[in-house]
Amino acid sequence: MFETVFKALMEGFGESLKIFALTLIGALPLGLIIAFGSMSKFSPLKYFTRAIVWIIRGTPLMLQLIIIFYGPGLILGTNIWGIGSKGRFIAVIVAFVLNYGCYFSEIYRGGIEGISQGQYEAGQVLGMNKGQIFFRIVLPQVFKRIIPPMSNEIITLVKDTSLARVIGVYELIHFGEAFIKSNGLIWPLFFTGVFYLVFSGILTLLFGYIEKKLNYYRV
């Protein structure tokens, strides 16, 4: 029985891992784009971007999943995500990327705005243009500043992947819960916690290592 449970949970964990990886791939660059929008000197863009961030950060991810998956069909009369499990998975990724992109944008914005004006002036004295100043001087220091809050959000993402089951994407928790219904076993559901703990522990160690490697940036 243990082997059967383990294989099922590994299948669910694989789905959770795909959600986790694809969310990061999409949300990390999107967060930077949103951060630039929220810092824009063009007021309509700045306030529009900040309004979107406020809405996303102020509402539950579960609600966003439901609206993003069912909303287009109810409003437009057609399912833009496609049918079956593939369509549900695409909707999950879109919701997660948008949600975490907004959270990451605030972390990026805080890191960028925390860099003193003197750093920009020093780059200008050295003859650098705005792009060179940002990527060679500002961004490395921002990266150092944002590692702790970013690591917290990424570890939260590990656990948030369980919300995908709200719209029928079968991840780790679903497979653990299935054994309660089919076999009357509750221990597989508790065993899912081991997967989350191990994965979160690995990420914690990884981010700790990255922080040590970036200690040469004194900010």
N, C-alpha and C. Protein backbone atom coordinates (compact mmCIF):
# COMPACT_ATOMS: atom_id res chain seq x y z
N MET A 1 0.83 -1.21 0.00
CA MET A 1 0.00 0.00 0.00
C MET A 1 0.87 1.26 0.00
N PHE A 2 1.98 1.22 0.76
CA PHE A 2 2.85 2.40 0.82
C PHE A 2 3.39 2.74 -0.56
N GLU A 3 3.75 1.72 -1.33
CA GLU A 3 4.29 1.96 -2.66
C GLU A 3 3.24 2.61 -3.56
N THR A 4 1.99 2.14 -3.45
CA THR A 4 0.90 2.72 -4.24
C THR A 4 0.67 4.18 -3.87
N VAL A 5 0.67 4.45 -2.58
CA VAL A 5 0.48 5.82 -2.10
C VAL A 5 1.61 6.71 -2.57
N PHE A 6 2.83 6.22 -2.44
CA PHE A 6 4.00 7.02 -2.80
C PHE A 6 3.98 7.37 -4.29
N LYS A 7 3.64 6.40 -5.13
CA LYS A 7 3.59 6.64 -6.57
C LYS A 7 2.52 7.68 -6.92
N ALA A 8 1.38 7.58 -6.26
CA ALA A 8 0.30 8.54 -6.50
C ALA A 8 0.70 9.95 -6.06
N LEU A 9 1.33 10.02 -4.88
CA LEU A 9 1.75 11.33 -4.38
C LEU A 9 2.86 11.93 -5.24
N MET A 10 3.73 11.08 -5.77
CA MET A 10 4.78 11.58 -6.66
C MET A 10 4.17 12.16 -7.93
N GLU A 11 3.12 11.53 -8.41
CA GLU A 11 2.42 12.06 -9.59
C GLU A 11 1.82 13.44 -9.29
N GLY A 12 1.19 13.56 -8.12
CA GLY A 12 0.63 14.84 -7.72
C GLY A 12 1.70 15.88 -7.48
N PHE A 13 2.82 15.46 -6.88
CA PHE A 13 3.92 16.39 -6.63
C PHE A 13 4.52 16.89 -7.95
N GLY A 14 4.55 16.01 -8.94
CA GLY A 14 5.05 16.42 -10.26
C GLY A 14 4.20 17.54 -10.84
N GLU A 15 2.88 17.44 -10.66
CA GLU A 15 1.98 18.49 -11.14
C GLU A 15 2.21 19.78 -10.36
N SER A 16 2.37 19.66 -9.05
CA SER A 16 2.65 20.84 -8.22
C SER A 16 3.96 21.49 -8.62
N LEU A 17 4.93 20.66 -8.93
CA LEU A 17 6.25 21.17 -9.33
C LEU A 17 6.17 21.92 -10.65
N LYS A 18 5.35 21.44 -11.57
CA LYS A 18 5.17 22.14 -12.86
C LYS A 18 4.53 23.50 -12.64
N ILE A 19 3.52 23.56 -11.77
CA ILE A 19 2.87 24.84 -11.47
C ILE A 19 3.88 25.80 -10.85
N PHE A 20 4.66 25.29 -9.91
CA PHE A 20 5.68 26.09 -9.24
C PHE A 20 6.69 26.66 -10.23
N ALA A 21 7.25 25.81 -11.08
CA ALA A 21 8.30 26.22 -12.01
C ALA A 21 7.78 27.20 -13.06
N LEU A 22 6.63 26.90 -13.65
CA LEU A 22 6.08 27.78 -14.68
C LEU A 22 5.64 29.12 -14.11
N THR A 23 5.18 29.12 -12.87
CA THR A 23 4.81 30.39 -12.22
C THR A 23 6.04 31.27 -12.06
N LEU A 24 7.14 30.70 -11.60
CA LEU A 24 8.36 31.48 -11.44
C LEU A 24 8.88 32.00 -12.77
N ILE A 25 8.87 31.14 -13.79
CA ILE A 25 9.36 31.54 -15.11
C ILE A 25 8.57 32.74 -15.64
N GLY A 26 7.26 32.75 -15.39
CA GLY A 26 6.44 33.85 -15.86
C GLY A 26 6.39 35.04 -14.93
N ALA A 27 6.34 34.79 -13.62
CA ALA A 27 6.11 35.88 -12.65
C ALA A 27 7.35 36.72 -12.37
N LEU A 28 8.53 36.12 -12.41
CA LEU A 28 9.74 36.90 -12.10
C LEU A 28 9.96 38.03 -13.11
N PRO A 29 9.95 37.77 -14.42
CA PRO A 29 10.08 38.90 -15.36
C PRO A 29 8.85 39.80 -15.38
N LEU A 30 7.65 39.23 -15.24
CA LEU A 30 6.44 40.05 -15.22
C LEU A 30 6.46 41.03 -14.05
N GLY A 31 6.95 40.57 -12.91
CA GLY A 31 7.03 41.43 -11.74
C GLY A 31 7.90 42.64 -11.98
N LEU A 32 9.01 42.45 -12.71
CA LEU A 32 9.91 43.57 -13.01
C LEU A 32 9.22 44.55 -13.95
N ILE A 33 8.49 44.03 -14.93
CA ILE A 33 7.76 44.91 -15.86
C ILE A 33 6.70 45.71 -15.11
N ILE A 34 5.96 45.06 -14.23
CA ILE A 34 4.93 45.74 -13.46
C ILE A 34 5.55 46.78 -12.53
N ALA A 35 6.71 46.46 -11.97
CA ALA A 35 7.41 47.41 -11.10
C ALA A 35 7.79 48.67 -11.85
N PHE A 36 8.28 48.51 -13.08
CA PHE A 36 8.62 49.68 -13.90
C PHE A 36 7.36 50.50 -14.19
N GLY A 37 6.24 49.81 -14.44
CA GLY A 37 4.98 50.51 -14.69
C GLY A 37 4.53 51.30 -13.48
N SER A 38 4.67 50.71 -12.29
CA SER A 38 4.23 51.40 -11.07
C SER A 38 5.15 52.55 -10.67
N MET A 39 6.36 52.58 -11.24
CA MET A 39 7.30 53.67 -10.97
C MET A 39 7.36 54.67 -12.12
N SER A 40 6.55 54.45 -13.13
CA SER A 40 6.58 55.29 -14.33
C SER A 40 6.26 56.74 -14.01
N LYS A 41 6.88 57.64 -14.76
CA LYS A 41 6.58 59.07 -14.62
C LYS A 41 5.32 59.44 -15.39
N PHE A 42 4.82 58.51 -16.19
CA PHE A 42 3.57 58.72 -16.92
C PHE A 42 2.43 58.35 -15.99
N SER A 43 1.76 59.34 -15.43
CA SER A 43 0.79 59.13 -14.36
C SER A 43 -0.32 58.12 -14.67
N PRO A 44 -0.96 58.16 -15.85
CA PRO A 44 -2.02 57.18 -16.12
C PRO A 44 -1.52 55.74 -16.02
N LEU A 45 -0.32 55.47 -16.56
CA LEU A 45 0.25 54.13 -16.49
C LEU A 45 0.57 53.75 -15.04
N LYS A 46 1.14 54.70 -14.30
CA LYS A 46 1.52 54.43 -12.92
C LYS A 46 0.30 54.09 -12.07
N TYR A 47 -0.75 54.89 -12.17
CA TYR A 47 -1.92 54.66 -11.32
C TYR A 47 -2.72 53.45 -11.76
N PHE A 48 -2.74 53.19 -13.08
CA PHE A 48 -3.41 51.99 -13.57
C PHE A 48 -2.70 50.74 -13.06
N THR A 49 -1.37 50.74 -13.15
CA THR A 49 -0.59 49.59 -12.70
C THR A 49 -0.75 49.37 -11.21
N ARG A 50 -0.70 50.45 -10.45
CA ARG A 50 -0.84 50.32 -8.99
C ARG A 50 -2.25 49.86 -8.59
N ALA A 51 -3.24 50.24 -9.38
CA ALA A 51 -4.60 49.78 -9.11
C ALA A 51 -4.72 48.27 -9.33
N ILE A 52 -4.10 47.78 -10.40
CA ILE A 52 -4.11 46.34 -10.67
C ILE A 52 -3.42 45.59 -9.54
N VAL A 53 -2.26 46.09 -9.12
CA VAL A 53 -1.51 45.46 -8.03
C VAL A 53 -2.34 45.45 -6.74
N TRP A 54 -3.00 46.55 -6.47
CA TRP A 54 -3.84 46.66 -5.27
C TRP A 54 -4.97 45.63 -5.29
N ILE A 55 -5.61 45.48 -6.44
CA ILE A 55 -6.71 44.51 -6.57
C ILE A 55 -6.21 43.08 -6.39
N ILE A 56 -5.11 42.75 -7.06
CA ILE A 56 -4.58 41.39 -6.99
C ILE A 56 -4.09 41.05 -5.59
N ARG A 57 -3.40 42.00 -4.96
CA ARG A 57 -2.88 41.73 -3.62
C ARG A 57 -3.97 41.76 -2.55
N GLY A 58 -5.09 42.42 -2.86
CA GLY A 58 -6.16 42.57 -1.88
C GLY A 58 -7.25 41.52 -1.96
N THR A 59 -7.15 40.62 -2.93
CA THR A 59 -8.16 39.56 -3.08
C THR A 59 -7.50 38.19 -2.99
N PRO A 60 -8.22 37.17 -2.56
CA PRO A 60 -7.63 35.84 -2.40
C PRO A 60 -7.26 35.21 -3.74
N LEU A 61 -6.17 34.49 -3.76
CA LEU A 61 -5.76 33.77 -4.96
C LEU A 61 -6.83 32.78 -5.39
N MET A 62 -7.51 32.16 -4.44
CA MET A 62 -8.58 31.21 -4.77
C MET A 62 -9.67 31.88 -5.60
N LEU A 63 -10.05 33.10 -5.21
CA LEU A 63 -11.07 33.85 -5.95
C LEU A 63 -10.57 34.18 -7.35
N GLN A 64 -9.31 34.57 -7.46
CA GLN A 64 -8.73 34.90 -8.76
C GLN A 64 -8.72 33.69 -9.69
N LEU A 65 -8.42 32.52 -9.15
CA LEU A 65 -8.45 31.29 -9.95
C LEU A 65 -9.84 31.04 -10.52
N ILE A 66 -10.85 31.18 -9.68
CA ILE A 66 -12.23 30.93 -10.11
C ILE A 66 -12.65 31.94 -11.18
N ILE A 67 -12.33 33.22 -10.95
CA ILE A 67 -12.73 34.27 -11.91
C ILE A 67 -12.01 34.10 -13.24
N ILE A 68 -10.70 33.84 -13.19
CA ILE A 68 -9.92 33.71 -14.42
C ILE A 68 -10.36 32.49 -15.23
N PHE A 69 -10.71 31.41 -14.54
CA PHE A 69 -11.12 30.20 -15.27
C PHE A 69 -12.55 30.31 -15.81
N TYR A 70 -13.48 30.73 -14.95
CA TYR A 70 -14.89 30.76 -15.35
C TYR A 70 -15.32 32.08 -15.97
N GLY A 71 -14.65 33.17 -15.62
CA GLY A 71 -15.05 34.50 -16.06
C GLY A 71 -15.17 34.67 -17.57
N PRO A 72 -14.13 34.35 -18.35
CA PRO A 72 -14.22 34.54 -19.80
C PRO A 72 -15.40 33.81 -20.43
N GLY A 73 -15.67 32.59 -19.97
CA GLY A 73 -16.79 31.82 -20.52
C GLY A 73 -18.12 32.46 -20.22
N LEU A 74 -18.27 33.00 -19.00
CA LEU A 74 -19.53 33.62 -18.60
C LEU A 74 -19.73 34.98 -19.27
N ILE A 75 -18.62 35.71 -19.46
CA ILE A 75 -18.72 37.06 -20.02
C ILE A 75 -18.74 37.02 -21.56
N LEU A 76 -17.84 36.24 -22.14
CA LEU A 76 -17.71 36.20 -23.59
C LEU A 76 -18.53 35.10 -24.24
N GLY A 77 -18.99 34.16 -23.42
CA GLY A 77 -19.77 33.06 -23.97
C GLY A 77 -18.94 31.97 -24.60
N THR A 78 -17.63 32.02 -24.39
CA THR A 78 -16.76 30.98 -24.94
C THR A 78 -15.60 30.71 -23.99
N ASN A 79 -15.16 29.47 -23.95
CA ASN A 79 -14.05 29.08 -23.07
C ASN A 79 -12.74 29.32 -23.79
N ILE A 80 -12.03 30.37 -23.40
CA ILE A 80 -10.77 30.73 -24.09
C ILE A 80 -9.61 29.83 -23.69
N TRP A 81 -9.76 29.05 -22.64
CA TRP A 81 -8.65 28.23 -22.14
C TRP A 81 -8.56 26.87 -22.81
N GLY A 82 -9.58 26.47 -23.49
CA GLY A 82 -9.59 25.14 -24.07
C GLY A 82 -10.29 24.15 -23.15
N ILE A 83 -10.51 22.97 -23.65
CA ILE A 83 -11.26 21.98 -22.88
C ILE A 83 -10.34 21.02 -22.16
N GLY A 84 -10.90 20.34 -21.16
CA GLY A 84 -10.17 19.29 -20.46
C GLY A 84 -9.13 19.82 -19.49
N SER A 85 -8.28 18.90 -19.05
CA SER A 85 -7.27 19.21 -18.04
C SER A 85 -6.24 20.23 -18.53
N LYS A 86 -5.95 20.21 -19.83
CA LYS A 86 -4.98 21.16 -20.38
C LYS A 86 -5.46 22.59 -20.22
N GLY A 87 -6.75 22.83 -20.54
CA GLY A 87 -7.30 24.16 -20.40
C GLY A 87 -7.31 24.64 -18.96
N ARG A 88 -7.64 23.74 -18.04
CA ARG A 88 -7.64 24.09 -16.62
C ARG A 88 -6.23 24.43 -16.16
N PHE A 89 -5.26 23.68 -16.63
CA PHE A 89 -3.87 23.92 -16.23
C PHE A 89 -3.39 25.28 -16.73
N ILE A 90 -3.75 25.62 -17.97
CA ILE A 90 -3.36 26.92 -18.52
C ILE A 90 -3.95 28.05 -17.69
N ALA A 91 -5.21 27.92 -17.30
CA ALA A 91 -5.87 28.94 -16.49
C ALA A 91 -5.18 29.09 -15.13
N VAL A 92 -4.77 27.97 -14.56
CA VAL A 92 -4.05 28.00 -13.28
C VAL A 92 -2.75 28.78 -13.42
N ILE A 93 -2.00 28.49 -14.48
CA ILE A 93 -0.71 29.17 -14.66
C ILE A 93 -0.91 30.67 -14.86
N VAL A 94 -1.90 31.05 -15.65
CA VAL A 94 -2.19 32.47 -15.87
C VAL A 94 -2.52 33.17 -14.55
N ALA A 95 -3.36 32.54 -13.74
CA ALA A 95 -3.75 33.13 -12.45
C ALA A 95 -2.55 33.24 -11.52
N PHE A 96 -1.76 32.20 -11.43
CA PHE A 96 -0.60 32.21 -10.54
C PHE A 96 0.44 33.23 -10.99
N VAL A 97 0.70 33.29 -12.29
CA VAL A 97 1.71 34.23 -12.81
C VAL A 97 1.27 35.67 -12.53
N LEU A 98 0.01 35.98 -12.78
CA LEU A 98 -0.49 37.33 -12.53
C LEU A 98 -0.42 37.67 -11.04
N ASN A 99 -0.84 36.74 -10.19
CA ASN A 99 -0.84 36.97 -8.75
C ASN A 99 0.58 37.20 -8.24
N TYR A 100 1.46 36.29 -8.54
CA TYR A 100 2.82 36.41 -8.01
C TYR A 100 3.62 37.50 -8.72
N GLY A 101 3.28 37.80 -9.98
CA GLY A 101 3.92 38.91 -10.65
C GLY A 101 3.67 40.22 -9.92
N CYS A 102 2.43 40.39 -9.41
CA CYS A 102 2.09 41.61 -8.67
C CYS A 102 2.81 41.66 -7.32
N TYR A 103 2.88 40.53 -6.64
CA TYR A 103 3.61 40.50 -5.37
C TYR A 103 5.11 40.77 -5.59
N PHE A 104 5.68 40.13 -6.60
CA PHE A 104 7.10 40.32 -6.89
C PHE A 104 7.37 41.77 -7.28
N SER A 105 6.41 42.41 -7.96
CA SER A 105 6.63 43.79 -8.43
C SER A 105 6.85 44.74 -7.26
N GLU A 106 6.13 44.52 -6.17
CA GLU A 106 6.30 45.38 -4.99
C GLU A 106 7.66 45.14 -4.34
N ILE A 107 8.12 43.91 -4.38
CA ILE A 107 9.45 43.61 -3.84
C ILE A 107 10.52 44.27 -4.70
N TYR A 108 10.38 44.15 -6.03
CA TYR A 108 11.31 44.82 -6.94
C TYR A 108 11.30 46.32 -6.72
N ARG A 109 10.10 46.90 -6.64
CA ARG A 109 9.98 48.35 -6.49
C ARG A 109 10.65 48.83 -5.22
N GLY A 110 10.43 48.10 -4.13
CA GLY A 110 11.07 48.47 -2.87
C GLY A 110 12.58 48.41 -2.97
N GLY A 111 13.10 47.38 -3.67
CA GLY A 111 14.55 47.25 -3.82
C GLY A 111 15.14 48.34 -4.68
N ILE A 112 14.46 48.67 -5.77
CA ILE A 112 14.97 49.70 -6.69
C ILE A 112 14.91 51.08 -6.04
N GLU A 113 13.80 51.39 -5.39
CA GLU A 113 13.66 52.71 -4.77
C GLU A 113 14.55 52.86 -3.54
N GLY A 114 15.06 51.74 -3.02
CA GLY A 114 15.95 51.80 -1.87
C GLY A 114 17.39 52.14 -2.22
N ILE A 115 17.71 52.15 -3.51
CA ILE A 115 19.07 52.50 -3.94
C ILE A 115 19.21 54.02 -3.93
N SER A 116 20.25 54.50 -3.29
CA SER A 116 20.44 55.95 -3.15
C SER A 116 20.72 56.61 -4.50
N GLN A 117 20.36 57.87 -4.59
CA GLN A 117 20.58 58.63 -5.82
C GLN A 117 22.06 58.74 -6.14
N GLY A 118 22.90 58.68 -5.10
CA GLY A 118 24.34 58.77 -5.31
C GLY A 118 24.88 57.66 -6.19
N GLN A 119 24.23 56.49 -6.15
CA GLN A 119 24.67 55.37 -6.99
C GLN A 119 24.47 55.71 -8.47
N TYR A 120 23.36 56.35 -8.78
CA TYR A 120 23.08 56.73 -10.17
C TYR A 120 24.06 57.83 -10.61
N GLU A 121 24.31 58.77 -9.71
CA GLU A 121 25.22 59.87 -10.04
C GLU A 121 26.64 59.36 -10.26
N ALA A 122 27.04 58.37 -9.48
CA ALA A 122 28.37 57.79 -9.64
C ALA A 122 28.50 57.14 -11.01
N GLY A 123 27.45 56.46 -11.44
CA GLY A 123 27.46 55.84 -12.77
C GLY A 123 27.56 56.87 -13.87
N GLN A 124 26.87 58.00 -13.70
CA GLN A 124 26.93 59.06 -14.70
C GLN A 124 28.32 59.66 -14.78
N VAL A 125 28.97 59.82 -13.62
CA VAL A 125 30.33 60.35 -13.58
C VAL A 125 31.28 59.43 -14.35
N LEU A 126 31.01 58.12 -14.27
CA LEU A 126 31.85 57.15 -14.97
C LEU A 126 31.52 57.05 -16.46
N GLY A 127 30.55 57.82 -16.90
CA GLY A 127 30.21 57.86 -18.32
C GLY A 127 29.23 56.79 -18.76
N MET A 128 28.52 56.18 -17.84
CA MET A 128 27.56 55.13 -18.19
C MET A 128 26.23 55.75 -18.60
N ASN A 129 25.53 55.05 -19.49
CA ASN A 129 24.17 55.48 -19.83
C ASN A 129 23.20 54.86 -18.83
N LYS A 130 21.89 55.17 -18.97
CA LYS A 130 20.91 54.71 -17.98
C LYS A 130 20.82 53.18 -17.91
N GLY A 131 20.90 52.53 -19.07
CA GLY A 131 20.84 51.08 -19.09
C GLY A 131 22.02 50.44 -18.38
N GLN A 132 23.22 50.97 -18.63
CA GLN A 132 24.42 50.44 -17.99
C GLN A 132 24.39 50.66 -16.48
N ILE A 133 23.91 51.83 -16.08
CA ILE A 133 23.82 52.12 -14.65
C ILE A 133 22.88 51.13 -13.97
N PHE A 134 21.73 50.87 -14.62
CA PHE A 134 20.76 49.98 -14.00
C PHE A 134 21.28 48.55 -13.90
N PHE A 135 21.82 48.03 -15.00
CA PHE A 135 22.19 46.62 -15.02
C PHE A 135 23.54 46.35 -14.34
N ARG A 136 24.45 47.31 -14.33
CA ARG A 136 25.77 47.08 -13.76
C ARG A 136 25.91 47.55 -12.31
N ILE A 137 25.14 48.55 -11.94
CA ILE A 137 25.28 49.12 -10.59
C ILE A 137 24.05 48.84 -9.73
N VAL A 138 22.87 49.19 -10.26
CA VAL A 138 21.65 49.12 -9.46
C VAL A 138 21.16 47.69 -9.28
N LEU A 139 21.01 46.95 -10.38
CA LEU A 139 20.39 45.63 -10.32
C LEU A 139 21.11 44.65 -9.39
N PRO A 140 22.46 44.58 -9.41
CA PRO A 140 23.12 43.66 -8.47
C PRO A 140 22.81 43.98 -7.01
N GLN A 141 22.72 45.26 -6.68
CA GLN A 141 22.40 45.65 -5.30
C GLN A 141 20.93 45.37 -4.98
N VAL A 142 20.06 45.58 -5.96
CA VAL A 142 18.64 45.28 -5.77
C VAL A 142 18.48 43.79 -5.51
N PHE A 143 19.18 42.97 -6.28
CA PHE A 143 19.10 41.53 -6.13
C PHE A 143 19.46 41.11 -4.71
N LYS A 144 20.50 41.72 -4.17
CA LYS A 144 20.92 41.43 -2.81
C LYS A 144 19.83 41.80 -1.80
N ARG A 145 19.19 42.95 -2.02
CA ARG A 145 18.17 43.43 -1.09
C ARG A 145 16.90 42.58 -1.10
N ILE A 146 16.54 42.07 -2.28
CA ILE A 146 15.23 41.43 -2.41
C ILE A 146 15.26 39.93 -2.12
N ILE A 147 16.44 39.34 -1.94
CA ILE A 147 16.51 37.89 -1.72
C ILE A 147 15.66 37.44 -0.52
N PRO A 148 15.77 38.07 0.67
CA PRO A 148 14.96 37.58 1.80
C PRO A 148 13.45 37.65 1.55
N PRO A 149 12.88 38.82 1.14
CA PRO A 149 11.43 38.83 0.91
C PRO A 149 11.02 37.96 -0.28
N MET A 150 11.87 37.89 -1.30
CA MET A 150 11.54 37.05 -2.46
C MET A 150 11.51 35.58 -2.07
N SER A 151 12.45 35.17 -1.23
CA SER A 151 12.48 33.77 -0.80
C SER A 151 11.22 33.41 -0.02
N ASN A 152 10.72 34.34 0.79
CA ASN A 152 9.48 34.09 1.53
C ASN A 152 8.30 33.88 0.59
N GLU A 153 8.21 34.70 -0.45
CA GLU A 153 7.12 34.58 -1.41
C GLU A 153 7.22 33.27 -2.20
N ILE A 154 8.44 32.89 -2.55
CA ILE A 154 8.62 31.67 -3.34
C ILE A 154 8.29 30.43 -2.51
N ILE A 155 8.64 30.45 -1.24
CA ILE A 155 8.28 29.33 -0.37
C ILE A 155 6.77 29.29 -0.15
N THR A 156 6.14 30.46 -0.08
CA THR A 156 4.67 30.50 0.00
C THR A 156 4.05 29.91 -1.26
N LEU A 157 4.68 30.15 -2.40
CA LEU A 157 4.19 29.59 -3.66
C LEU A 157 4.15 28.07 -3.62
N VAL A 158 5.13 27.45 -2.98
CA VAL A 158 5.16 25.99 -2.86
C VAL A 158 3.84 25.50 -2.27
N LYS A 159 3.38 26.17 -1.23
CA LYS A 159 2.14 25.75 -0.56
C LYS A 159 0.90 26.20 -1.32
N ASP A 160 0.98 27.33 -2.00
CA ASP A 160 -0.18 27.84 -2.73
C ASP A 160 -0.54 26.97 -3.94
N THR A 161 0.39 26.17 -4.41
CA THR A 161 0.08 25.30 -5.55
C THR A 161 -1.10 24.37 -5.24
N SER A 162 -1.34 24.13 -3.95
CA SER A 162 -2.46 23.26 -3.56
C SER A 162 -3.81 23.87 -3.93
N LEU A 163 -3.86 25.19 -4.17
CA LEU A 163 -5.12 25.85 -4.53
C LEU A 163 -5.58 25.51 -5.94
N ALA A 164 -4.69 24.93 -6.74
CA ALA A 164 -5.05 24.59 -8.12
C ALA A 164 -6.21 23.62 -8.18
N ARG A 165 -6.39 22.84 -7.12
CA ARG A 165 -7.47 21.85 -7.11
C ARG A 165 -8.85 22.50 -7.11
N VAL A 166 -8.90 23.81 -6.81
CA VAL A 166 -10.18 24.53 -6.79
C VAL A 166 -10.87 24.46 -8.16
N ILE A 167 -10.08 24.48 -9.24
CA ILE A 167 -10.67 24.40 -10.58
C ILE A 167 -10.33 23.07 -11.26
N GLY A 168 -10.05 22.06 -10.45
CA GLY A 168 -9.93 20.71 -10.99
C GLY A 168 -8.58 20.32 -11.53
N VAL A 169 -7.52 21.02 -11.14
CA VAL A 169 -6.16 20.60 -11.51
C VAL A 169 -5.65 19.72 -10.38
N TYR A 170 -5.35 18.48 -10.67
CA TYR A 170 -5.07 17.49 -9.64
C TYR A 170 -3.60 17.51 -9.24
N GLU A 171 -3.33 18.18 -8.13
CA GLU A 171 -1.97 18.31 -7.62
C GLU A 171 -1.80 17.41 -6.40
N LEU A 172 -0.79 17.67 -5.61
CA LEU A 172 -0.40 16.79 -4.51
C LEU A 172 -1.52 16.55 -3.49
N ILE A 173 -2.14 17.61 -3.00
CA ILE A 173 -3.17 17.46 -1.97
C ILE A 173 -4.35 16.61 -2.48
N HIS A 174 -4.70 16.81 -3.73
CA HIS A 174 -5.81 16.03 -4.30
C HIS A 174 -5.54 14.54 -4.21
N PHE A 175 -4.33 14.13 -4.57
CA PHE A 175 -4.01 12.70 -4.56
C PHE A 175 -3.97 12.15 -3.13
N GLY A 176 -3.53 12.99 -2.18
CA GLY A 176 -3.54 12.56 -0.79
C GLY A 176 -4.96 12.40 -0.26
N GLU A 177 -5.81 13.34 -0.63
CA GLU A 177 -7.20 13.31 -0.18
C GLU A 177 -7.97 12.16 -0.83
N ALA A 178 -7.57 11.76 -2.03
CA ALA A 178 -8.29 10.71 -2.76
C ALA A 178 -8.30 9.39 -1.99
N PHE A 179 -7.24 9.15 -1.20
CA PHE A 179 -7.17 7.89 -0.44
C PHE A 179 -8.17 7.86 0.72
N ILE A 180 -8.59 9.04 1.18
CA ILE A 180 -9.63 9.08 2.22
C ILE A 180 -10.95 8.57 1.62
N LYS A 181 -11.26 9.01 0.41
CA LYS A 181 -12.52 8.65 -0.23
C LYS A 181 -12.52 7.20 -0.72
N SER A 182 -11.38 6.75 -1.24
CA SER A 182 -11.36 5.42 -1.85
C SER A 182 -11.01 4.29 -0.88
N ASN A 183 -10.10 4.58 0.07
CA ASN A 183 -9.63 3.52 0.97
C ASN A 183 -9.87 3.81 2.45
N GLY A 184 -10.37 4.98 2.76
CA GLY A 184 -10.58 5.33 4.16
C GLY A 184 -9.28 5.55 4.91
N LEU A 185 -8.23 5.94 4.18
CA LEU A 185 -6.92 6.17 4.79
C LEU A 185 -6.65 7.66 4.89
N ILE A 186 -6.27 8.11 6.08
CA ILE A 186 -5.97 9.53 6.25
C ILE A 186 -4.47 9.81 6.25
N TRP A 187 -3.65 8.79 6.54
CA TRP A 187 -2.20 9.05 6.65
C TRP A 187 -1.57 9.53 5.34
N PRO A 188 -2.08 9.13 4.15
CA PRO A 188 -1.48 9.69 2.93
C PRO A 188 -1.62 11.20 2.84
N LEU A 189 -2.75 11.73 3.38
CA LEU A 189 -2.94 13.17 3.36
C LEU A 189 -1.91 13.87 4.24
N PHE A 190 -1.64 13.29 5.42
CA PHE A 190 -0.59 13.85 6.28
C PHE A 190 0.79 13.70 5.65
N PHE A 191 0.95 12.63 4.89
CA PHE A 191 2.24 12.35 4.26
C PHE A 191 2.57 13.40 3.19
N THR A 192 1.52 14.03 2.63
CA THR A 192 1.78 15.10 1.66
C THR A 192 2.58 16.23 2.30
N GLY A 193 2.40 16.41 3.62
CA GLY A 193 3.15 17.44 4.33
C GLY A 193 4.64 17.22 4.26
N VAL A 194 5.06 15.96 4.18
CA VAL A 194 6.49 15.65 4.07
C VAL A 194 7.06 16.22 2.77
N PHE A 195 6.30 16.08 1.69
CA PHE A 195 6.74 16.61 0.40
C PHE A 195 6.92 18.13 0.48
N TYR A 196 5.95 18.81 1.06
CA TYR A 196 6.03 20.26 1.18
C TYR A 196 7.20 20.67 2.08
N LEU A 197 7.37 19.96 3.19
CA LEU A 197 8.44 20.30 4.13
C LEU A 197 9.82 20.11 3.49
N VAL A 198 10.00 19.00 2.78
CA VAL A 198 11.30 18.72 2.15
C VAL A 198 11.59 19.75 1.07
N PHE A 199 10.60 20.04 0.24
CA PHE A 199 10.81 21.00 -0.84
C PHE A 199 11.08 22.40 -0.29
N SER A 200 10.32 22.80 0.71
CA SER A 200 10.54 24.11 1.33
C SER A 200 11.91 24.17 2.01
N GLY A 201 12.31 23.05 2.63
CA GLY A 201 13.62 23.00 3.27
C GLY A 201 14.75 23.16 2.27
N ILE A 202 14.63 22.52 1.11
CA ILE A 202 15.64 22.64 0.06
C ILE A 202 15.73 24.09 -0.42
N LEU A 203 14.58 24.73 -0.62
CA LEU A 203 14.57 26.12 -1.06
C LEU A 203 15.17 27.05 -0.02
N THR A 204 14.89 26.77 1.26
CA THR A 204 15.45 27.59 2.34
C THR A 204 16.97 27.51 2.33
N LEU A 205 17.50 26.31 2.18
CA LEU A 205 18.96 26.14 2.11
C LEU A 205 19.54 26.83 0.89
N LEU A 206 18.83 26.73 -0.24
CA LEU A 206 19.31 27.35 -1.48
C LEU A 206 19.39 28.87 -1.34
N PHE A 207 18.33 29.46 -0.80
CA PHE A 207 18.32 30.92 -0.65
C PHE A 207 19.34 31.38 0.40
N GLY A 208 19.54 30.57 1.43
CA GLY A 208 20.58 30.89 2.40
C GLY A 208 21.95 30.91 1.76
N TYR A 209 22.19 29.95 0.87
CA TYR A 209 23.47 29.88 0.14
C TYR A 209 23.65 31.10 -0.75
N ILE A 210 22.56 31.49 -1.46
CA ILE A 210 22.63 32.65 -2.35
C ILE A 210 22.92 33.92 -1.56
N GLU A 211 22.28 34.06 -0.40
CA GLU A 211 22.52 35.24 0.44
C GLU A 211 23.98 35.34 0.85
N LYS A 212 24.57 34.22 1.23
CA LYS A 212 25.98 34.23 1.61
C LYS A 212 26.87 34.61 0.43
N LYS A 213 26.52 34.12 -0.75
CA LYS A 213 27.31 34.43 -1.93
C LYS A 213 27.24 35.91 -2.30
N LEU A 214 26.15 36.57 -1.91
CA LEU A 214 25.98 37.98 -2.25
C LEU A 214 26.40 38.92 -1.13
N ASN A 215 27.07 38.39 -0.12
CA ASN A 215 27.46 39.21 1.02
C ASN A 215 28.48 40.30 0.67
N TYR A 216 29.11 40.17 -0.50
CA TYR A 216 30.10 41.19 -0.86
C TYR A 216 29.43 42.51 -1.25
N TYR A 217 28.10 42.47 -1.49
CA TYR A 217 27.35 43.72 -1.71
C TYR A 217 26.91 44.26 -0.37
N ARG A 218 27.54 45.28 0.10
CA ARG A 218 27.18 45.89 1.38
C ARG A 218 26.14 46.97 1.14
N VAL A 219 24.89 46.63 1.42
CA VAL A 219 23.84 47.60 1.17
C VAL A 219 23.11 47.89 2.47
